[in-house]
Amino acid sequence: QVQLVESGGGLVQTGGALRLSCVACGLTFPNNALAWVRQAPGPERECVAGITYDGADRYNADFVKGRFTISRDNDKNTVTLQMNSLKVEDTAVYYCAARHLGLVDTPRDYFHWGQGTQVSVSS
């Protein structure tokens, strides 16, 4: 059974930084991918960043390029999102998500989800 547990959210001022972590247990498929997906108030989720098991392929949404960095440590079953230069519009619930095969940027194609962690950026 796959279990994802996020941590590291909080309140920060514009321009500040936060580091999100997700412990991913039960991912046995060698070609799995992990991603961070966010949801601001409203129905749509958007993929922020993703990474394959070996780190060879990474995805970063245009709106976070140059500010957010995704990384993973397979020995610790952890994926991390370093968020710098935060903006008010980054305010959202951030979810860790996993799929068994390949990296995609569409949230509907991720099958395992954490409970989410709130990130709030004040002006």
N, C-alpha and C. Protein backbone atom coordinates (compact mmCIF):
# COMPACT_ATOMS: atom_id res chain seq x y z
N GLN A 1 0.85 -1.18 0.00
CA GLN A 1 0.00 0.00 0.00
C GLN A 1 0.89 1.24 0.00
N VAL A 2 0.57 2.17 -0.90
CA VAL A 2 1.34 3.41 -1.00
C VAL A 2 0.82 4.42 0.01
N GLN A 3 1.73 5.02 0.71
CA GLN A 3 1.38 6.06 1.67
C GLN A 3 2.31 7.24 1.49
N LEU A 4 1.72 8.42 1.39
CA LEU A 4 2.47 9.66 1.21
C LEU A 4 2.14 10.60 2.35
N VAL A 5 3.18 11.13 2.99
CA VAL A 5 2.96 12.03 4.12
C VAL A 5 3.80 13.28 3.93
N GLU A 6 3.11 14.42 3.80
CA GLU A 6 3.78 15.70 3.58
C GLU A 6 4.06 16.42 4.89
N SER A 7 5.04 17.30 4.84
CA SER A 7 5.32 18.19 5.96
C SER A 7 6.02 19.42 5.42
N GLY A 8 6.04 20.48 6.23
CA GLY A 8 6.83 21.66 5.89
C GLY A 8 6.06 22.88 5.45
N GLY A 9 4.74 22.80 5.36
CA GLY A 9 3.99 23.98 4.98
C GLY A 9 4.00 25.03 6.09
N GLY A 10 3.41 26.18 5.80
CA GLY A 10 3.34 27.23 6.80
C GLY A 10 3.03 28.56 6.18
N LEU A 11 3.22 29.61 6.98
CA LEU A 11 2.96 30.98 6.57
C LEU A 11 4.29 31.70 6.41
N VAL A 12 4.43 32.38 5.29
CA VAL A 12 5.66 33.11 5.02
C VAL A 12 5.32 34.38 4.27
N GLN A 13 6.18 35.37 4.36
CA GLN A 13 5.96 36.62 3.64
C GLN A 13 6.45 36.51 2.20
N THR A 14 5.95 37.38 1.37
CA THR A 14 6.40 37.44 -0.02
C THR A 14 7.92 37.54 -0.09
N GLY A 15 8.49 36.72 -0.97
CA GLY A 15 9.93 36.69 -1.10
C GLY A 15 10.62 35.67 -0.21
N GLY A 16 9.86 35.08 0.70
CA GLY A 16 10.43 34.11 1.61
C GLY A 16 10.57 32.73 0.99
N ALA A 17 10.95 31.78 1.82
CA ALA A 17 11.20 30.41 1.34
C ALA A 17 10.59 29.39 2.29
N LEU A 18 10.21 28.27 1.71
CA LEU A 18 9.74 27.12 2.48
C LEU A 18 10.26 25.86 1.82
N ARG A 19 10.37 24.81 2.62
CA ARG A 19 10.83 23.53 2.11
C ARG A 19 9.79 22.48 2.48
N LEU A 20 9.20 21.88 1.48
CA LEU A 20 8.23 20.81 1.69
C LEU A 20 8.90 19.45 1.53
N SER A 21 8.50 18.53 2.38
CA SER A 21 9.02 17.17 2.28
C SER A 21 7.87 16.18 2.25
N CYS A 22 8.10 15.08 1.59
CA CYS A 22 7.10 14.02 1.50
C CYS A 22 7.81 12.68 1.66
N VAL A 23 7.36 11.92 2.62
CA VAL A 23 7.86 10.56 2.77
C VAL A 23 6.92 9.64 2.03
N ALA A 24 7.47 8.90 1.10
CA ALA A 24 6.67 8.02 0.23
C ALA A 24 7.01 6.57 0.53
N CYS A 25 6.04 5.86 1.06
CA CYS A 25 6.25 4.46 1.40
C CYS A 25 5.41 3.57 0.48
N GLY A 26 5.97 2.41 0.15
CA GLY A 26 5.21 1.44 -0.62
C GLY A 26 5.31 1.57 -2.12
N LEU A 27 6.19 2.45 -2.61
CA LEU A 27 6.35 2.59 -4.06
C LEU A 27 7.35 1.56 -4.54
N THR A 28 6.86 0.45 -5.06
CA THR A 28 7.75 -0.64 -5.43
C THR A 28 8.07 -0.67 -6.92
N PHE A 29 7.35 0.06 -7.74
CA PHE A 29 7.61 0.06 -9.17
C PHE A 29 8.85 0.87 -9.46
N PRO A 30 9.80 0.34 -10.22
CA PRO A 30 11.08 1.02 -10.43
C PRO A 30 10.97 2.27 -11.27
N ASN A 31 9.92 2.41 -12.07
CA ASN A 31 9.79 3.60 -12.92
C ASN A 31 8.78 4.60 -12.36
N ASN A 32 8.62 4.60 -11.06
CA ASN A 32 7.62 5.50 -10.48
C ASN A 32 8.06 6.95 -10.59
N ALA A 33 7.10 7.82 -10.45
CA ALA A 33 7.35 9.25 -10.45
C ALA A 33 6.63 9.89 -9.28
N LEU A 34 7.25 10.90 -8.73
CA LEU A 34 6.66 11.68 -7.64
C LEU A 34 6.50 13.12 -8.08
N ALA A 35 5.46 13.74 -7.61
CA ALA A 35 5.19 15.12 -8.01
C ALA A 35 4.60 15.91 -6.85
N TRP A 36 4.71 17.21 -6.98
CA TRP A 36 4.01 18.14 -6.09
C TRP A 36 2.92 18.80 -6.92
N VAL A 37 1.73 18.74 -6.39
CA VAL A 37 0.55 19.30 -7.05
C VAL A 37 -0.10 20.27 -6.06
N ARG A 38 -0.54 21.40 -6.54
CA ARG A 38 -1.16 22.35 -5.62
C ARG A 38 -2.58 22.67 -6.03
N GLN A 39 -3.33 23.09 -5.04
CA GLN A 39 -4.71 23.49 -5.28
C GLN A 39 -5.02 24.72 -4.45
N ALA A 40 -5.21 25.82 -5.16
CA ALA A 40 -5.71 27.04 -4.54
C ALA A 40 -7.22 26.90 -4.40
N PRO A 41 -7.88 27.79 -3.66
CA PRO A 41 -9.35 27.69 -3.58
C PRO A 41 -9.99 27.64 -4.96
N GLY A 42 -10.76 26.59 -5.23
CA GLY A 42 -11.30 26.36 -6.55
C GLY A 42 -11.12 24.90 -6.92
N PRO A 43 -11.68 24.49 -8.03
CA PRO A 43 -11.70 23.07 -8.37
C PRO A 43 -10.43 22.53 -9.02
N GLU A 44 -9.60 23.37 -9.53
CA GLU A 44 -8.49 22.89 -10.35
C GLU A 44 -7.23 22.67 -9.53
N ARG A 45 -6.60 21.51 -9.78
CA ARG A 45 -5.27 21.26 -9.26
C ARG A 45 -4.27 21.48 -10.38
N GLU A 46 -3.09 21.91 -10.04
CA GLU A 46 -2.07 22.10 -11.05
C GLU A 46 -0.75 21.48 -10.59
N CYS A 47 -0.09 20.84 -11.52
CA CYS A 47 1.17 20.19 -11.22
C CYS A 47 2.26 21.25 -11.13
N VAL A 48 2.98 21.24 -10.05
CA VAL A 48 4.04 22.22 -9.81
C VAL A 48 5.39 21.69 -10.28
N ALA A 49 5.71 20.48 -9.87
CA ALA A 49 7.00 19.88 -10.22
C ALA A 49 6.90 18.37 -10.07
N GLY A 50 7.72 17.67 -10.81
CA GLY A 50 7.74 16.22 -10.73
C GLY A 50 9.12 15.68 -11.02
N ILE A 51 9.34 14.43 -10.62
CA ILE A 51 10.66 13.83 -10.79
C ILE A 51 10.52 12.32 -10.89
N THR A 52 11.31 11.72 -11.77
CA THR A 52 11.30 10.28 -11.90
C THR A 52 12.15 9.64 -10.80
N TYR A 53 12.09 8.31 -10.75
CA TYR A 53 12.78 7.59 -9.68
C TYR A 53 14.28 7.88 -9.69
N ASP A 54 14.88 7.90 -10.87
CA ASP A 54 16.33 8.10 -10.95
C ASP A 54 16.72 9.57 -11.05
N GLY A 55 15.74 10.45 -11.06
CA GLY A 55 16.02 11.87 -11.13
C GLY A 55 16.41 12.38 -12.51
N ALA A 56 16.39 11.48 -13.49
CA ALA A 56 16.84 11.87 -14.83
C ALA A 56 15.86 12.81 -15.51
N ASP A 57 14.59 12.64 -15.24
CA ASP A 57 13.56 13.50 -15.82
C ASP A 57 12.89 14.31 -14.72
N ARG A 58 12.76 15.59 -14.98
CA ARG A 58 12.11 16.47 -14.03
C ARG A 58 11.17 17.39 -14.79
N TYR A 59 10.14 17.77 -14.10
CA TYR A 59 9.19 18.74 -14.66
C TYR A 59 9.06 19.90 -13.69
N ASN A 60 9.06 21.10 -14.25
CA ASN A 60 8.78 22.29 -13.47
C ASN A 60 7.78 23.14 -14.25
N ALA A 61 6.70 23.48 -13.63
CA ALA A 61 5.73 24.35 -14.28
C ALA A 61 6.36 25.71 -14.58
N ASP A 62 5.91 26.33 -15.62
CA ASP A 62 6.49 27.62 -16.02
C ASP A 62 6.41 28.65 -14.89
N PHE A 63 5.34 28.58 -14.11
CA PHE A 63 5.15 29.61 -13.10
C PHE A 63 6.07 29.43 -11.88
N VAL A 64 6.85 28.34 -11.82
CA VAL A 64 7.78 28.16 -10.71
C VAL A 64 9.22 28.02 -11.16
N LYS A 65 9.45 28.05 -12.44
CA LYS A 65 10.82 27.88 -12.94
C LYS A 65 11.73 28.99 -12.40
N GLY A 66 12.88 28.54 -11.92
CA GLY A 66 13.83 29.47 -11.34
C GLY A 66 13.57 29.77 -9.88
N ARG A 67 12.44 29.29 -9.36
CA ARG A 67 12.11 29.56 -7.95
C ARG A 67 12.00 28.27 -7.13
N PHE A 68 11.42 27.23 -7.70
CA PHE A 68 11.20 25.97 -6.98
C PHE A 68 12.13 24.90 -7.55
N THR A 69 12.58 24.02 -6.66
CA THR A 69 13.43 22.91 -7.06
C THR A 69 12.94 21.63 -6.41
N ILE A 70 12.75 20.61 -7.22
CA ILE A 70 12.33 19.31 -6.70
C ILE A 70 13.53 18.37 -6.67
N SER A 71 13.58 17.54 -5.64
CA SER A 71 14.64 16.55 -5.54
C SER A 71 14.09 15.35 -4.78
N ARG A 72 14.77 14.22 -4.87
CA ARG A 72 14.34 13.05 -4.12
C ARG A 72 15.55 12.27 -3.63
N ASP A 73 15.32 11.61 -2.52
CA ASP A 73 16.34 10.75 -1.91
C ASP A 73 15.70 9.38 -1.74
N ASN A 74 16.03 8.46 -2.61
CA ASN A 74 15.38 7.15 -2.59
C ASN A 74 15.79 6.32 -1.39
N ASP A 75 16.94 6.57 -0.84
CA ASP A 75 17.35 5.85 0.36
C ASP A 75 16.44 6.21 1.54
N LYS A 76 15.94 7.43 1.52
CA LYS A 76 15.06 7.90 2.59
C LYS A 76 13.60 7.93 2.16
N ASN A 77 13.33 7.48 0.93
CA ASN A 77 11.95 7.48 0.41
C ASN A 77 11.32 8.87 0.51
N THR A 78 12.10 9.88 0.17
CA THR A 78 11.65 11.26 0.38
C THR A 78 11.77 12.07 -0.91
N VAL A 79 10.77 12.90 -1.15
CA VAL A 79 10.83 13.89 -2.21
C VAL A 79 10.65 15.26 -1.56
N THR A 80 11.43 16.22 -2.02
CA THR A 80 11.48 17.53 -1.40
C THR A 80 11.21 18.61 -2.45
N LEU A 81 10.52 19.65 -2.02
CA LEU A 81 10.29 20.81 -2.88
C LEU A 81 10.82 22.04 -2.15
N GLN A 82 11.89 22.57 -2.66
CA GLN A 82 12.45 23.81 -2.12
C GLN A 82 11.80 24.97 -2.86
N MET A 83 11.14 25.82 -2.11
CA MET A 83 10.40 26.94 -2.71
C MET A 83 11.04 28.24 -2.26
N ASN A 84 11.57 28.98 -3.20
CA ASN A 84 12.19 30.27 -2.94
C ASN A 84 11.41 31.38 -3.62
N SER A 85 11.66 32.60 -3.21
CA SER A 85 11.02 33.76 -3.83
C SER A 85 9.51 33.58 -3.92
N LEU A 86 8.91 33.19 -2.83
CA LEU A 86 7.48 32.88 -2.83
C LEU A 86 6.64 34.13 -3.10
N LYS A 87 5.55 33.91 -3.80
CA LYS A 87 4.62 34.97 -4.15
C LYS A 87 3.26 34.69 -3.52
N VAL A 88 2.46 35.73 -3.41
CA VAL A 88 1.11 35.55 -2.85
C VAL A 88 0.34 34.50 -3.64
N GLU A 89 0.52 34.48 -4.94
CA GLU A 89 -0.21 33.53 -5.78
C GLU A 89 0.26 32.08 -5.63
N ASP A 90 1.31 31.85 -4.85
CA ASP A 90 1.73 30.48 -4.54
C ASP A 90 0.92 29.89 -3.39
N THR A 91 0.09 30.70 -2.77
CA THR A 91 -0.75 30.22 -1.68
C THR A 91 -1.67 29.11 -2.16
N ALA A 92 -1.59 27.96 -1.52
CA ALA A 92 -2.39 26.80 -1.93
C ALA A 92 -2.12 25.66 -0.95
N VAL A 93 -2.92 24.62 -1.08
CA VAL A 93 -2.60 23.34 -0.44
C VAL A 93 -1.71 22.57 -1.40
N TYR A 94 -0.59 22.12 -0.91
CA TYR A 94 0.36 21.38 -1.73
C TYR A 94 0.28 19.90 -1.39
N TYR A 95 0.10 19.10 -2.43
CA TYR A 95 -0.03 17.66 -2.27
C TYR A 95 1.17 16.95 -2.88
N CYS A 96 1.59 15.92 -2.22
CA CYS A 96 2.54 14.99 -2.80
C CYS A 96 1.74 13.91 -3.53
N ALA A 97 2.16 13.58 -4.73
CA ALA A 97 1.42 12.62 -5.54
C ALA A 97 2.38 11.64 -6.20
N ALA A 98 1.90 10.43 -6.46
CA ALA A 98 2.76 9.40 -7.03
C ALA A 98 2.02 8.61 -8.10
N ARG A 99 2.77 8.16 -9.06
CA ARG A 99 2.25 7.23 -10.05
C ARG A 99 3.32 6.19 -10.33
N HIS A 100 2.87 5.04 -10.86
CA HIS A 100 3.79 3.91 -10.95
C HIS A 100 4.70 3.95 -12.16
N LEU A 101 4.29 4.65 -13.21
CA LEU A 101 5.05 4.56 -14.45
C LEU A 101 5.13 5.91 -15.13
N GLY A 102 6.33 6.52 -15.12
CA GLY A 102 6.58 7.69 -15.92
C GLY A 102 6.12 9.00 -15.31
N LEU A 103 6.71 10.05 -15.78
CA LEU A 103 6.44 11.40 -15.28
C LEU A 103 5.47 12.11 -16.22
N VAL A 104 4.41 12.65 -15.66
CA VAL A 104 3.45 13.43 -16.42
C VAL A 104 3.12 14.69 -15.63
N ASP A 105 2.53 15.66 -16.32
CA ASP A 105 2.20 16.93 -15.65
C ASP A 105 0.71 17.14 -15.50
N THR A 106 -0.04 16.05 -15.56
CA THR A 106 -1.49 16.13 -15.41
C THR A 106 -1.90 15.50 -14.10
N PRO A 107 -2.44 16.29 -13.19
CA PRO A 107 -2.78 15.75 -11.87
C PRO A 107 -3.70 14.53 -11.91
N ARG A 108 -4.61 14.45 -12.88
CA ARG A 108 -5.56 13.34 -12.91
C ARG A 108 -4.88 12.00 -13.16
N ASP A 109 -3.63 12.03 -13.62
CA ASP A 109 -2.91 10.79 -13.91
C ASP A 109 -2.05 10.31 -12.75
N TYR A 110 -2.15 10.97 -11.61
CA TYR A 110 -1.49 10.49 -10.41
C TYR A 110 -2.52 9.75 -9.55
N PHE A 111 -2.12 8.61 -9.04
CA PHE A 111 -3.09 7.71 -8.41
C PHE A 111 -2.97 7.63 -6.90
N HIS A 112 -1.90 8.17 -6.37
CA HIS A 112 -1.71 8.14 -4.93
C HIS A 112 -1.44 9.55 -4.45
N TRP A 113 -2.09 9.90 -3.33
CA TRP A 113 -2.02 11.27 -2.85
C TRP A 113 -1.80 11.32 -1.36
N GLY A 114 -1.04 12.34 -0.94
CA GLY A 114 -0.93 12.63 0.47
C GLY A 114 -2.11 13.46 0.93
N GLN A 115 -2.07 13.85 2.18
CA GLN A 115 -3.19 14.59 2.76
C GLN A 115 -3.10 16.08 2.47
N GLY A 116 -1.95 16.55 2.04
CA GLY A 116 -1.76 17.95 1.70
C GLY A 116 -1.20 18.75 2.86
N THR A 117 -0.49 19.83 2.51
CA THR A 117 0.03 20.75 3.50
C THR A 117 -0.20 22.17 3.00
N GLN A 118 -0.65 23.03 3.88
CA GLN A 118 -1.02 24.40 3.50
C GLN A 118 0.21 25.29 3.42
N VAL A 119 0.31 26.00 2.31
CA VAL A 119 1.33 27.04 2.15
C VAL A 119 0.60 28.36 1.96
N SER A 120 0.91 29.31 2.81
CA SER A 120 0.28 30.63 2.74
C SER A 120 1.36 31.69 2.64
N VAL A 121 1.22 32.55 1.66
CA VAL A 121 2.20 33.62 1.44
C VAL A 121 1.47 34.95 1.60
N SER A 122 1.95 35.77 2.50
CA SER A 122 1.32 37.06 2.77
C SER A 122 2.11 38.18 2.10
N SER A 123 1.39 39.24 1.78
CA SER A 123 2.04 40.38 1.12
C SER A 123 2.64 41.34 2.13
